[in-house]
Amino acid sequence: MTTAGFSTLGCPGVPIDNVLRLAQQYHADCVQLRIAQDEPVHTGLSARQRSGIRLKFSDAGVDFAALATYVKLSDPNLLGPLEQHLQLASDLGAPALRLFPGDVEAEIAVQRLSCAVSTAEGSGVKITLETHDSYLAGADIAGLLSASTAGAGAVWDVLHTWRSGEKLEDSAAALGPYLAELQIKDVPSKTDLRPVAPGNGEVPAREAIDVAIAGGFSGPIIFEHEAKWREDADAFEPSLAAAMALIRK
């Protein structure tokens, strides 16, 4: 059975206690933490701080989704940041670590992805790769995953596969064997990427959910609202309420 959650990209800088209250208020099963130095959770936290955050999630009855990192396969110095984020995920009890492909040749991306999977082996943390950057289509990410060391998963950001021109059914078919997370959001059009409440734009989020579930997907469905980058984004809480209703429809 799928679970519903949200990314803190929609509420940047909000203290963890408030994030967990949002999760409880809107009946989210899990939260995906955006990991950056300007967020409450980052790789510079002490062991005591990490333990405290893990306890807060447990007490609130809210699970961790993948940690959303900005580690990219295009970074030639991938290993250092990767290891720091893996340790953070392990300390918090997060099940997965989201990476971006970046803008890099496929052969190099495959090599670095295989290295990332090897580095994560035995940590209990799964490496996932999002449809992003120069690899927007599901077929693009599936190509990297199929050519790399087995074990990495895919994050299907429906916005990106949709605006790449790939059909939902083709995205689902390509990513299905690897699908670890489905990520939904909404915007007015392929050229107007202002974040709006799900259902108020043109992204076929509910259709993607239906296609993924029909293909056997049972993982987390995460609402990502890019309020961090857009001051003109729709208000987060009404958007979160709309997202949870859409996911559970």
C-alpha atoms as a PDB file:
ATOM      1  CA  MET A   1       0.000   0.000   0.000  1.00  0.00           C
ATOM      2  CA  THR A   2       1.337   3.425  -0.915  1.00  0.00           C
ATOM      3  CA  THR A   3       2.061   6.100   1.684  1.00  0.00           C
ATOM      4  CA  ALA A   4       1.572   9.863   1.382  1.00  0.00           C
ATOM      5  CA  GLY A   5       4.038  12.539   2.399  1.00  0.00           C
ATOM      6  CA  PHE A   6       5.547  15.898   1.576  1.00  0.00           C
ATOM      7  CA  SER A   7       8.915  17.542   1.072  1.00  0.00           C
ATOM      8  CA  THR A   8      10.061  20.432   3.245  1.00  0.00           C
ATOM      9  CA  LEU A   9      11.015  22.271   0.054  1.00  0.00           C
ATOM     10  CA  GLY A  10       7.509  23.699   0.402  1.00  0.00           C
ATOM     11  CA  CYS A  11       8.152  25.045   3.911  1.00  0.00           C
ATOM     12  CA  PRO A  12      11.847  25.979   3.872  1.00  0.00           C
ATOM     13  CA  GLY A  13      13.495  26.719   7.186  1.00  0.00           C
ATOM     14  CA  VAL A  14      10.494  25.643   9.258  1.00  0.00           C
ATOM     15  CA  PRO A  15      11.542  24.033  12.590  1.00  0.00           C
ATOM     16  CA  ILE A  16      11.131  20.276  12.838  1.00  0.00           C
ATOM     17  CA  ASP A  17       8.470  20.524  15.539  1.00  0.00           C
ATOM     18  CA  ASN A  18       6.314  22.610  13.185  1.00  0.00           C
ATOM     19  CA  VAL A  19       6.976  20.275  10.255  1.00  0.00           C
ATOM     20  CA  LEU A  20       5.772  17.345  12.318  1.00  0.00           C
ATOM     21  CA  ARG A  21       2.654  19.265  13.366  1.00  0.00           C
ATOM     22  CA  LEU A  22       1.913  19.862   9.685  1.00  0.00           C
ATOM     23  CA  ALA A  23       2.341  16.159   8.997  1.00  0.00           C
ATOM     24  CA  GLN A  24      -0.086  15.260  11.765  1.00  0.00           C
ATOM     25  CA  GLN A  25      -2.619  17.958  10.840  1.00  0.00           C
ATOM     26  CA  TYR A  26      -2.743  16.919   7.181  1.00  0.00           C
ATOM     27  CA  HIS A  27      -2.418  13.186   7.854  1.00  0.00           C
ATOM     28  CA  ALA A  28       0.914  12.704   6.074  1.00  0.00           C
ATOM     29  CA  ASP A  29       2.536   9.333   6.714  1.00  0.00           C
ATOM     30  CA  CYS A  30       6.045  10.569   6.052  1.00  0.00           C
ATOM     31  CA  VAL A  31       8.186  13.656   5.492  1.00  0.00           C
ATOM     32  CA  GLN A  32      11.023  14.143   3.046  1.00  0.00           C
ATOM     33  CA  LEU A  33      13.590  16.510   4.514  1.00  0.00           C
ATOM     34  CA  ARG A  34      15.409  18.926   2.233  1.00  0.00           C
ATOM     35  CA  ILE A  35      19.030  18.676   3.376  1.00  0.00           C
ATOM     36  CA  ALA A  36      20.963  21.935   3.129  1.00  0.00           C
ATOM     37  CA  GLN A  37      22.925  24.278   5.376  1.00  0.00           C
ATOM     38  CA  ASP A  38      19.997  26.729   5.495  1.00  0.00           C
ATOM     39  CA  GLU A  39      17.630  24.039   6.792  1.00  0.00           C
ATOM     40  CA  PRO A  40      17.149  22.712  10.354  1.00  0.00           C
ATOM     41  CA  VAL A  41      18.607  19.360   9.246  1.00  0.00           C
ATOM     42  CA  HIS A  42      22.013  19.271   7.544  1.00  0.00           C
ATOM     43  CA  THR A  43      25.236  17.281   7.628  1.00  0.00           C
ATOM     44  CA  GLY A  44      26.778  19.558  10.283  1.00  0.00           C
ATOM     45  CA  LEU A  45      24.448  18.364  13.058  1.00  0.00           C
ATOM     46  CA  SER A  46      25.957  16.719  16.102  1.00  0.00           C
ATOM     47  CA  ALA A  47      25.216  13.128  17.102  1.00  0.00           C
ATOM     48  CA  ARG A  48      22.985  14.444  19.900  1.00  0.00           C
ATOM     49  CA  GLN A  49      21.013  16.662  17.525  1.00  0.00           C
ATOM     50  CA  ARG A  50      20.516  13.788  15.094  1.00  0.00           C
ATOM     51  CA  SER A  51      19.315  11.517  17.860  1.00  0.00           C
ATOM     52  CA  GLY A  52      16.885  14.198  19.026  1.00  0.00           C
ATOM     53  CA  ILE A  53      15.368  14.626  15.566  1.00  0.00           C
ATOM     54  CA  ARG A  54      14.991  10.878  15.144  1.00  0.00           C
ATOM     55  CA  LEU A  55      13.193  10.705  18.500  1.00  0.00           C
ATOM     56  CA  LYS A  56      10.852  13.554  17.547  1.00  0.00           C
ATOM     57  CA  PHE A  57       9.775  11.740  14.390  1.00  0.00           C
ATOM     58  CA  SER A  58       9.233   8.533  16.337  1.00  0.00           C
ATOM     59  CA  ASP A  59       7.196  10.271  19.049  1.00  0.00           C
ATOM     60  CA  ALA A  60       5.056  12.006  16.396  1.00  0.00           C
ATOM     61  CA  GLY A  61       4.353   8.731  14.595  1.00  0.00           C
ATOM     62  CA  VAL A  62       5.739  10.145  11.344  1.00  0.00           C
ATOM     63  CA  ASP A  63       8.166   8.244   9.118  1.00  0.00           C
ATOM     64  CA  PHE A  64      11.119   9.556   7.180  1.00  0.00           C
ATOM     65  CA  ALA A  65      10.964   9.489   3.419  1.00  0.00           C
ATOM     66  CA  ALA A  66      14.200   9.750   1.453  1.00  0.00           C
ATOM     67  CA  LEU A  67      16.471  12.623   2.418  1.00  0.00           C
ATOM     68  CA  ALA A  68      16.460  15.112  -0.456  1.00  0.00           C
ATOM     69  CA  THR A  69      20.093  15.999  -1.116  1.00  0.00           C
ATOM     70  CA  TYR A  70      21.842  18.129  -3.702  1.00  0.00           C
ATOM     71  CA  VAL A  71      24.544  15.542  -4.306  1.00  0.00           C
ATOM     72  CA  LYS A  72      24.958  15.197  -8.082  1.00  0.00           C
ATOM     73  CA  LEU A  73      26.544  12.544 -10.261  1.00  0.00           C
ATOM     74  CA  SER A  74      28.046  15.405 -12.262  1.00  0.00           C
ATOM     75  CA  ASP A  75      30.255  16.286  -9.273  1.00  0.00           C
ATOM     76  CA  PRO A  76      33.737  14.766  -9.727  1.00  0.00           C
ATOM     77  CA  ASN A  77      34.165  15.038  -5.942  1.00  0.00           C
ATOM     78  CA  LEU A  78      31.004  13.038  -5.279  1.00  0.00           C
ATOM     79  CA  LEU A  79      32.363  10.698  -2.626  1.00  0.00           C
ATOM     80  CA  GLY A  80      32.892  13.154   0.252  1.00  0.00           C
ATOM     81  CA  PRO A  81      29.408  14.728   0.218  1.00  0.00           C
ATOM     82  CA  LEU A  82      27.854  11.330  -0.442  1.00  0.00           C
ATOM     83  CA  GLU A  83      29.458   9.758   2.624  1.00  0.00           C
ATOM     84  CA  GLN A  84      28.401  12.690   4.832  1.00  0.00           C
ATOM     85  CA  HIS A  85      24.798  12.420   3.673  1.00  0.00           C
ATOM     86  CA  LEU A  86      24.779   8.637   4.000  1.00  0.00           C
ATOM     87  CA  GLN A  87      25.888   8.963   7.607  1.00  0.00           C
ATOM     88  CA  LEU A  88      23.152  11.507   8.274  1.00  0.00           C
ATOM     89  CA  ALA A  89      20.511   9.231   6.722  1.00  0.00           C
ATOM     90  CA  SER A  90      21.744   6.289   8.758  1.00  0.00           C
ATOM     91  CA  ASP A  91      21.746   8.297  11.997  1.00  0.00           C
ATOM     92  CA  LEU A  92      18.216   9.571  11.409  1.00  0.00           C
ATOM     93  CA  GLY A  93      16.861   6.217  10.252  1.00  0.00           C
ATOM     94  CA  ALA A  94      15.914   7.535   6.801  1.00  0.00           C
ATOM     95  CA  PRO A  95      15.476   4.714   4.267  1.00  0.00           C
ATOM     96  CA  ALA A  96      16.883   6.411   1.175  1.00  0.00           C
ATOM     97  CA  LEU A  97      19.066   9.202  -0.158  1.00  0.00           C
ATOM     98  CA  ARG A  98      17.920  11.153  -3.222  1.00  0.00           C
ATOM     99  CA  LEU A  99      20.629  12.143  -5.714  1.00  0.00           C
ATOM    100  CA  PHE A 100      20.431  14.263  -8.871  1.00  0.00           C
ATOM    101  CA  PRO A 101      22.115  13.172 -12.093  1.00  0.00           C
ATOM    102  CA  GLY A 102      23.299  16.674 -12.967  1.00  0.00           C
ATOM    103  CA  ASP A 103      24.507  17.503 -16.449  1.00  0.00           C
ATOM    104  CA  VAL A 104      27.083  14.855 -17.247  1.00  0.00           C
ATOM    105  CA  GLU A 105      27.746  12.249 -19.921  1.00  0.00           C
ATOM    106  CA  ALA A 106      25.883   8.987 -19.396  1.00  0.00           C
ATOM    107  CA  GLU A 107      29.023   6.861 -19.183  1.00  0.00           C
ATOM    108  CA  ILE A 108      30.413   8.985 -16.357  1.00  0.00           C
ATOM    109  CA  ALA A 109      27.024   9.116 -14.617  1.00  0.00           C
ATOM    110  CA  VAL A 110      26.806   5.316 -14.679  1.00  0.00           C
ATOM    111  CA  GLN A 111      30.282   4.959 -13.189  1.00  0.00           C
ATOM    112  CA  ARG A 112      29.553   7.404 -10.390  1.00  0.00           C
ATOM    113  CA  LEU A 113      26.146   5.909  -9.674  1.00  0.00           C
ATOM    114  CA  SER A 114      27.747   2.471  -9.343  1.00  0.00           C
ATOM    115  CA  CYS A 115      30.277   4.007  -6.952  1.00  0.00           C
ATOM    116  CA  ALA A 116      27.480   5.589  -4.913  1.00  0.00           C
ATOM    117  CA  VAL A 117      25.609   2.275  -4.635  1.00  0.00           C
ATOM    118  CA  SER A 118      28.802   0.516  -3.594  1.00  0.00           C
ATOM    119  CA  THR A 119      29.517   3.178  -0.969  1.00  0.00           C
ATOM    120  CA  ALA A 120      26.007   2.824   0.480  1.00  0.00           C
ATOM    121  CA  GLU A 121      26.204  -0.973   0.675  1.00  0.00           C
ATOM    122  CA  GLY A 122      25.589  -2.221   4.198  1.00  0.00           C
ATOM    123  CA  SER A 123      24.319   1.153   5.448  1.00  0.00           C
ATOM    124  CA  GLY A 124      20.635   0.267   5.166  1.00  0.00           C
ATOM    125  CA  VAL A 125      20.172   3.392   3.021  1.00  0.00           C
ATOM    126  CA  LYS A 126      19.007   3.082  -0.585  1.00  0.00           C
ATOM    127  CA  ILE A 127      20.417   5.380  -3.262  1.00  0.00           C
ATOM    128  CA  THR A 128      17.727   6.907  -5.483  1.00  0.00           C
ATOM    129  CA  LEU A 129      18.071   8.992  -8.631  1.00  0.00           C
ATOM    130  CA  GLU A 130      15.511  11.590  -9.717  1.00  0.00           C
ATOM    131  CA  THR A 131      14.276  12.493 -13.191  1.00  0.00           C
ATOM    132  CA  HIS A 132      16.036  15.850 -13.262  1.00  0.00           C
ATOM    133  CA  ASP A 133      18.652  18.058 -14.925  1.00  0.00           C
ATOM    134  CA  SER A 134      19.593  16.730 -18.376  1.00  0.00           C
ATOM    135  CA  TYR A 135      17.832  13.422 -17.604  1.00  0.00           C
ATOM    136  CA  LEU A 136      14.207  14.552 -17.427  1.00  0.00           C
ATOM    137  CA  ALA A 137      12.514  11.557 -19.031  1.00  0.00           C
ATOM    138  CA  GLY A 138      11.917   8.251 -17.307  1.00  0.00           C
ATOM    139  CA  ALA A 139      13.757   6.506 -20.129  1.00  0.00           C
ATOM    140  CA  ASP A 140      16.818   8.680 -19.426  1.00  0.00           C
ATOM    141  CA  ILE A 141      17.033   7.681 -15.757  1.00  0.00           C
ATOM    142  CA  ALA A 142      16.142   4.053 -16.510  1.00  0.00           C
ATOM    143  CA  GLY A 143      19.049   3.948 -18.933  1.00  0.00           C
ATOM    144  CA  LEU A 144      21.482   4.986 -16.201  1.00  0.00           C
ATOM    145  CA  LEU A 145      19.989   2.576 -13.671  1.00  0.00           C
ATOM    146  CA  SER A 146      20.007  -0.396 -16.034  1.00  0.00           C
ATOM    147  CA  ALA A 147      23.666   0.176 -16.921  1.00  0.00           C
ATOM    148  CA  SER A 148      24.887   0.696 -13.342  1.00  0.00           C
ATOM    149  CA  THR A 149      25.382  -1.553 -10.347  1.00  0.00           C
ATOM    150  CA  ALA A 150      22.071  -3.085  -9.292  1.00  0.00           C
ATOM    151  CA  GLY A 151      20.452  -1.622  -6.211  1.00  0.00           C
ATOM    152  CA  ALA A 152      19.673   2.025  -6.956  1.00  0.00           C
ATOM    153  CA  GLY A 153      16.088   3.214  -7.227  1.00  0.00           C
ATOM    154  CA  ALA A 154      14.276   5.831  -9.280  1.00  0.00           C
ATOM    155  CA  VAL A 155      12.387   8.914  -8.158  1.00  0.00           C
ATOM    156  CA  TRP A 156       9.719   9.744 -10.718  1.00  0.00           C
ATOM    157  CA  ASP A 157       9.137  13.506 -10.685  1.00  0.00           C
ATOM    158  CA  VAL A 158       6.000  13.668 -12.790  1.00  0.00           C
ATOM    159  CA  LEU A 159       6.501  17.334 -13.678  1.00  0.00           C
ATOM    160  CA  HIS A 160       9.810  16.657 -15.396  1.00  0.00           C
ATOM    161  CA  THR A 161       8.786  13.587 -17.354  1.00  0.00           C
ATOM    162  CA  TRP A 162       5.604  15.392 -18.437  1.00  0.00           C
ATOM    163  CA  ARG A 163       7.417  18.493 -19.644  1.00  0.00           C
ATOM    164  CA  SER A 164       9.980  16.339 -21.452  1.00  0.00           C
ATOM    165  CA  GLY A 165       7.117  15.147 -23.665  1.00  0.00           C
ATOM    166  CA  GLU A 166       7.251  11.541 -22.453  1.00  0.00           C
ATOM    167  CA  LYS A 167       3.864   9.835 -22.109  1.00  0.00           C
ATOM    168  CA  LEU A 168       2.811   8.696 -18.633  1.00  0.00           C
ATOM    169  CA  GLU A 169       2.571   5.081 -19.722  1.00  0.00           C
ATOM    170  CA  ASP A 170       6.101   5.222 -21.152  1.00  0.00           C
ATOM    171  CA  SER A 171       7.474   6.816 -17.979  1.00  0.00           C
ATOM    172  CA  ALA A 172       5.816   4.144 -15.864  1.00  0.00           C
ATOM    173  CA  ALA A 173       7.087   1.329 -18.071  1.00  0.00           C
ATOM    174  CA  ALA A 174      10.659   2.633 -18.045  1.00  0.00           C
ATOM    175  CA  LEU A 175      10.840   3.418 -14.326  1.00  0.00           C
ATOM    176  CA  GLY A 176       8.626   0.608 -13.033  1.00  0.00           C
ATOM    177  CA  PRO A 177      11.400  -1.917 -12.302  1.00  0.00           C
ATOM    178  CA  TYR A 178      13.288   0.703 -10.280  1.00  0.00           C
ATOM    179  CA  LEU A 179      10.537   2.934  -8.880  1.00  0.00           C
ATOM    180  CA  ALA A 180      11.211   3.861  -5.252  1.00  0.00           C
ATOM    181  CA  GLU A 181       9.293   7.131  -5.001  1.00  0.00           C
ATOM    182  CA  LEU A 182       6.635   9.004  -6.943  1.00  0.00           C
ATOM    183  CA  GLN A 183       6.860  12.776  -6.673  1.00  0.00           C
ATOM    184  CA  ILE A 184       3.933  15.027  -7.547  1.00  0.00           C
ATOM    185  CA  LYS A 185       3.490  18.790  -7.938  1.00  0.00           C
ATOM    186  CA  ASP A 186       1.503  21.139 -10.140  1.00  0.00           C
ATOM    187  CA  VAL A 187       2.203  24.139 -12.382  1.00  0.00           C
ATOM    188  CA  PRO A 188       0.079  26.158 -14.831  1.00  0.00           C
ATOM    189  CA  SER A 189       1.863  24.908 -17.968  1.00  0.00           C
ATOM    190  CA  LYS A 190       5.096  23.478 -19.360  1.00  0.00           C
ATOM    191  CA  THR A 191       6.432  27.006 -19.778  1.00  0.00           C
ATOM    192  CA  ASP A 192       4.965  28.514 -16.594  1.00  0.00           C
ATOM    193  CA  LEU A 193       6.505  26.618 -13.684  1.00  0.00           C
ATOM    194  CA  ARG A 194       4.947  28.623 -10.859  1.00  0.00           C
ATOM    195  CA  PRO A 195       4.027  26.127  -8.103  1.00  0.00           C
ATOM    196  CA  VAL A 196       0.255  25.902  -7.655  1.00  0.00           C
ATOM    197  CA  ALA A 197      -1.967  23.702  -5.516  1.00  0.00           C
ATOM    198  CA  PRO A 198      -2.421  20.238  -7.039  1.00  0.00           C
ATOM    199  CA  GLY A 199      -5.490  20.225  -9.243  1.00  0.00           C
ATOM    200  CA  ASN A 200      -5.127  23.902 -10.183  1.00  0.00           C
ATOM    201  CA  GLY A 201      -2.551  23.340 -12.930  1.00  0.00           C
ATOM    202  CA  GLU A 202      -1.875  21.026 -15.836  1.00  0.00           C
ATOM    203  CA  VAL A 203       0.436  18.311 -14.464  1.00  0.00           C
ATOM    204  CA  PRO A 204      -1.345  14.914 -14.679  1.00  0.00           C
ATOM    205  CA  ALA A 205      -0.491  13.936 -11.107  1.00  0.00           C
ATOM    206  CA  ARG A 206      -3.541  11.790 -10.342  1.00  0.00           C
ATOM    207  CA  GLU A 207      -3.192   9.976 -13.650  1.00  0.00           C
ATOM    208  CA  ALA A 208       0.454   9.237 -12.840  1.00  0.00           C
ATOM    209  CA  ILE A 209      -0.532   7.867  -9.437  1.00  0.00           C
ATOM    210  CA  ASP A 210      -3.098   5.583 -11.041  1.00  0.00           C
ATOM    211  CA  VAL A 211      -0.637   4.356 -13.681  1.00  0.00           C
ATOM    212  CA  ALA A 212       2.083   3.711 -11.110  1.00  0.00           C
ATOM    213  CA  ILE A 213      -0.205   1.805  -8.743  1.00  0.00           C
ATOM    214  CA  ALA A 214      -1.622  -0.228 -11.632  1.00  0.00           C
ATOM    215  CA  GLY A 215       1.950  -1.249 -12.403  1.00  0.00           C
ATOM    216  CA  GLY A 216       2.485  -2.511  -8.854  1.00  0.00           C
ATOM    217  CA  PHE A 217       4.031   0.548  -7.166  1.00  0.00           C
ATOM    218  CA  SER A 218       3.487   0.574  -3.404  1.00  0.00           C
ATOM    219  CA  GLY A 219       6.038   3.117  -2.203  1.00  0.00           C
ATOM    220  CA  PRO A 220       5.821   6.712  -0.977  1.00  0.00           C
ATOM    221  CA  ILE A 221       4.030   9.423  -2.962  1.00  0.00           C
ATOM    222  CA  ILE A 222       5.653  12.738  -2.073  1.00  0.00           C
ATOM    223  CA  PHE A 223       4.215  16.205  -2.654  1.00  0.00           C
ATOM    224  CA  GLU A 224       6.979  18.650  -3.574  1.00  0.00           C
ATOM    225  CA  HIS A 225       6.065  22.357  -3.677  1.00  0.00           C
ATOM    226  CA  GLU A 226       8.988  24.497  -4.844  1.00  0.00           C
ATOM    227  CA  ALA A 227       8.221  27.452  -2.587  1.00  0.00           C
ATOM    228  CA  LYS A 228      11.916  27.749  -1.714  1.00  0.00           C
ATOM    229  CA  TRP A 229      12.658  28.965  -5.229  1.00  0.00           C
ATOM    230  CA  ARG A 230       9.448  30.842  -6.085  1.00  0.00           C
ATOM    231  CA  GLU A 231       8.029  33.711  -4.039  1.00  0.00           C
ATOM    232  CA  ASP A 232       4.918  33.582  -6.236  1.00  0.00           C
ATOM    233  CA  ALA A 233       4.125  29.983  -5.282  1.00  0.00           C
ATOM    234  CA  ASP A 234       0.667  29.195  -3.947  1.00  0.00           C
ATOM    235  CA  ALA A 235       0.488  29.108  -0.148  1.00  0.00           C
ATOM    236  CA  PHE A 236       1.919  25.864   1.164  1.00  0.00           C
ATOM    237  CA  GLU A 237      -0.723  24.658   3.608  1.00  0.00           C
ATOM    238  CA  PRO A 238      -3.712  24.847   1.232  1.00  0.00           C
ATOM    239  CA  SER A 239      -1.504  23.219  -1.410  1.00  0.00           C
ATOM    240  CA  LEU A 240      -0.554  20.465   1.025  1.00  0.00           C
ATOM    241  CA  ALA A 241      -4.207  19.854   1.870  1.00  0.00           C
ATOM    242  CA  ALA A 242      -5.024  19.598  -1.845  1.00  0.00           C
ATOM    243  CA  ALA A 243      -2.101  17.237  -2.400  1.00  0.00           C
ATOM    244  CA  MET A 244      -3.091  14.877   0.408  1.00  0.00           C
ATOM    245  CA  ALA A 245      -6.670  14.804  -0.901  1.00  0.00           C
ATOM    246  CA  LEU A 246      -5.425  14.078  -4.411  1.00  0.00           C
ATOM    247  CA  ILE A 247      -3.105  11.287  -3.292  1.00  0.00           C
ATOM    248  CA  ARG A 248      -5.761   9.602  -1.162  1.00  0.00           C
ATOM    249  CA  LYS A 249      -8.553  10.052  -3.731  1.00  0.00           C
END
